[in-house]
Amino acid sequence: YQSLLNAESPNPCIVATNTLPSARDLLDAAFRYFALDWTQHTEINPDILSRKPLPKKGDYSRLNKVTGWKPTITFNNMIHTIIERLLDTQNK
């Protein structure tokens, strides 16, 4: 990111993965961290999930063009890392 910091003018960039994980993907990743099946611990509200999806995904192409950066962590690994950090914080 040094090239962004040293730029002569601001160049806003998005750090993203160009993927569009669903709520189910999030539940699956989080519960899998604890070796649990999310379908056994949650209820689905069809009124919420039947809504037309609003796909919005981050595009890191500008960041890649400026710095050469590409995502190196999967969505599942990112969720697992977040959980680990939260658990570490709670244990301190």
C-alpha atoms as a PDB file:
ATOM      1  CA  TYR A   1       0.000   0.000   0.000  1.00  0.00           C
ATOM      2  CA  GLN A   2       3.048   2.230   0.080  1.00  0.00           C
ATOM      3  CA  SER A   3       2.351   3.335  -3.493  1.00  0.00           C
ATOM      4  CA  LEU A   4      -1.076   4.581  -2.389  1.00  0.00           C
ATOM      5  CA  LEU A   5       0.411   6.479   0.528  1.00  0.00           C
ATOM      6  CA  ASN A   6       3.079   8.060  -1.654  1.00  0.00           C
ATOM      7  CA  ALA A   7       0.697   9.099  -4.436  1.00  0.00           C
ATOM      8  CA  GLU A   8       0.656  12.792  -5.339  1.00  0.00           C
ATOM      9  CA  SER A   9      -3.138  12.909  -5.237  1.00  0.00           C
ATOM     10  CA  PRO A  10      -5.731  10.835  -3.378  1.00  0.00           C
ATOM     11  CA  ASN A  11      -6.766   7.670  -5.173  1.00  0.00           C
ATOM     12  CA  PRO A  12      -9.578   5.909  -3.315  1.00  0.00           C
ATOM     13  CA  CYS A  13      -9.477   2.162  -3.769  1.00  0.00           C
ATOM     14  CA  ILE A  14     -11.608  -0.713  -2.535  1.00  0.00           C
ATOM     15  CA  VAL A  15     -10.082  -3.716  -0.812  1.00  0.00           C
ATOM     16  CA  ALA A  16     -12.363  -6.558  -1.894  1.00  0.00           C
ATOM     17  CA  THR A  17     -12.420 -10.032  -3.379  1.00  0.00           C
ATOM     18  CA  ASN A  18     -14.805  -9.602  -6.331  1.00  0.00           C
ATOM     19  CA  THR A  19     -16.971 -12.346  -4.823  1.00  0.00           C
ATOM     20  CA  LEU A  20     -20.555 -12.196  -3.659  1.00  0.00           C
ATOM     21  CA  PRO A  21     -21.024 -14.577  -0.714  1.00  0.00           C
ATOM     22  CA  SER A  22     -24.553 -15.129   0.527  1.00  0.00           C
ATOM     23  CA  ALA A  23     -25.911 -15.057   4.075  1.00  0.00           C
ATOM     24  CA  ARG A  24     -25.888 -18.855   3.921  1.00  0.00           C
ATOM     25  CA  ASP A  25     -22.190 -18.767   2.956  1.00  0.00           C
ATOM     26  CA  LEU A  26     -21.504 -16.603   6.014  1.00  0.00           C
ATOM     27  CA  LEU A  27     -23.443 -18.926   8.308  1.00  0.00           C
ATOM     28  CA  ASP A  28     -21.735 -21.966   6.835  1.00  0.00           C
ATOM     29  CA  ALA A  29     -18.250 -20.505   7.309  1.00  0.00           C
ATOM     30  CA  ALA A  30     -18.917 -19.284  10.855  1.00  0.00           C
ATOM     31  CA  PHE A  31     -20.575 -22.455  12.092  1.00  0.00           C
ATOM     32  CA  ARG A  32     -18.014 -24.657  10.355  1.00  0.00           C
ATOM     33  CA  TYR A  33     -15.320 -22.949  12.448  1.00  0.00           C
ATOM     34  CA  PHE A  34     -16.964 -24.519  15.493  1.00  0.00           C
ATOM     35  CA  ALA A  35     -17.647 -27.830  13.660  1.00  0.00           C
ATOM     36  CA  LEU A  36     -21.387 -27.155  13.713  1.00  0.00           C
ATOM     37  CA  ASP A  37     -24.097 -27.433  11.074  1.00  0.00           C
ATOM     38  CA  TRP A  38     -25.781 -24.040  10.904  1.00  0.00           C
ATOM     39  CA  THR A  39     -29.040 -25.594   9.702  1.00  0.00           C
ATOM     40  CA  GLN A  40     -29.341 -27.309  13.075  1.00  0.00           C
ATOM     41  CA  HIS A  41     -29.025 -24.041  15.021  1.00  0.00           C
ATOM     42  CA  THR A  42     -30.879 -21.430  12.991  1.00  0.00           C
ATOM     43  CA  GLU A  43     -34.295 -20.752  11.566  1.00  0.00           C
ATOM     44  CA  ILE A  44     -34.838 -19.227   8.141  1.00  0.00           C
ATOM     45  CA  ASN A  45     -37.355 -16.429   7.817  1.00  0.00           C
ATOM     46  CA  PRO A  46     -38.688 -16.856   4.265  1.00  0.00           C
ATOM     47  CA  ASP A  47     -40.014 -13.274   4.266  1.00  0.00           C
ATOM     48  CA  ILE A  48     -36.455 -12.017   4.440  1.00  0.00           C
ATOM     49  CA  LEU A  49     -34.772 -14.550   2.179  1.00  0.00           C
ATOM     50  CA  SER A  50     -37.452 -14.374  -0.486  1.00  0.00           C
ATOM     51  CA  ARG A  51     -36.634 -10.751  -1.215  1.00  0.00           C
ATOM     52  CA  LYS A  52     -34.987 -10.005  -4.503  1.00  0.00           C
ATOM     53  CA  PRO A  53     -31.227  -9.978  -3.848  1.00  0.00           C
ATOM     54  CA  LEU A  54     -29.313  -6.740  -4.110  1.00  0.00           C
ATOM     55  CA  PRO A  55     -25.975  -7.900  -5.443  1.00  0.00           C
ATOM     56  CA  LYS A  56     -23.155  -5.575  -4.496  1.00  0.00           C
ATOM     57  CA  LYS A  57     -19.635  -6.791  -4.622  1.00  0.00           C
ATOM     58  CA  GLY A  58     -16.393  -4.955  -4.208  1.00  0.00           C
ATOM     59  CA  ASP A  59     -14.171  -4.524  -7.220  1.00  0.00           C
ATOM     60  CA  TYR A  60     -10.469  -4.373  -6.399  1.00  0.00           C
ATOM     61  CA  SER A  61      -9.366  -3.699 -10.005  1.00  0.00           C
ATOM     62  CA  ARG A  62      -8.284  -0.089  -9.285  1.00  0.00           C
ATOM     63  CA  LEU A  63      -6.230  -1.210  -6.287  1.00  0.00           C
ATOM     64  CA  ASN A  64      -4.700  -3.955  -8.420  1.00  0.00           C
ATOM     65  CA  LYS A  65      -3.862  -1.482 -11.177  1.00  0.00           C
ATOM     66  CA  VAL A  66      -2.228   0.973  -8.748  1.00  0.00           C
ATOM     67  CA  THR A  67      -0.415  -1.487  -6.475  1.00  0.00           C
ATOM     68  CA  GLY A  68      -0.619  -4.956  -8.009  1.00  0.00           C
ATOM     69  CA  TRP A  69      -2.591  -6.126  -4.947  1.00  0.00           C
ATOM     70  CA  LYS A  70      -4.813  -9.203  -5.252  1.00  0.00           C
ATOM     71  CA  PRO A  71      -6.853 -10.976  -2.587  1.00  0.00           C
ATOM     72  CA  THR A  72      -4.896 -13.742  -0.883  1.00  0.00           C
ATOM     73  CA  ILE A  73      -7.476 -14.987   1.601  1.00  0.00           C
ATOM     74  CA  THR A  74     -10.720 -16.821   0.887  1.00  0.00           C
ATOM     75  CA  PHE A  75     -14.059 -15.733   2.280  1.00  0.00           C
ATOM     76  CA  ASN A  76     -14.118 -18.743   4.632  1.00  0.00           C
ATOM     77  CA  ASN A  77     -10.622 -17.986   5.914  1.00  0.00           C
ATOM     78  CA  MET A  78     -11.559 -14.356   6.446  1.00  0.00           C
ATOM     79  CA  ILE A  79     -14.585 -15.353   8.552  1.00  0.00           C
ATOM     80  CA  HIS A  80     -12.444 -17.802  10.547  1.00  0.00           C
ATOM     81  CA  THR A  81      -9.838 -15.078  11.150  1.00  0.00           C
ATOM     82  CA  ILE A  82     -12.522 -12.659  12.369  1.00  0.00           C
ATOM     83  CA  ILE A  83     -13.848 -15.291  14.772  1.00  0.00           C
ATOM     84  CA  GLU A  84     -10.342 -16.027  16.060  1.00  0.00           C
ATOM     85  CA  ARG A  85      -9.685 -12.329  16.688  1.00  0.00           C
ATOM     86  CA  LEU A  86     -12.995 -11.925  18.494  1.00  0.00           C
ATOM     87  CA  LEU A  87     -12.280 -14.960  20.642  1.00  0.00           C
ATOM     88  CA  ASP A  88      -8.762 -13.672  21.399  1.00  0.00           C
ATOM     89  CA  THR A  89     -10.218 -10.298  22.408  1.00  0.00           C
ATOM     90  CA  GLN A  90     -12.771 -11.916  24.712  1.00  0.00           C
ATOM     91  CA  ASN A  91     -10.117 -14.078  26.367  1.00  0.00           C
ATOM     92  CA  LYS A  92      -7.916 -11.102  27.320  1.00  0.00           C
END
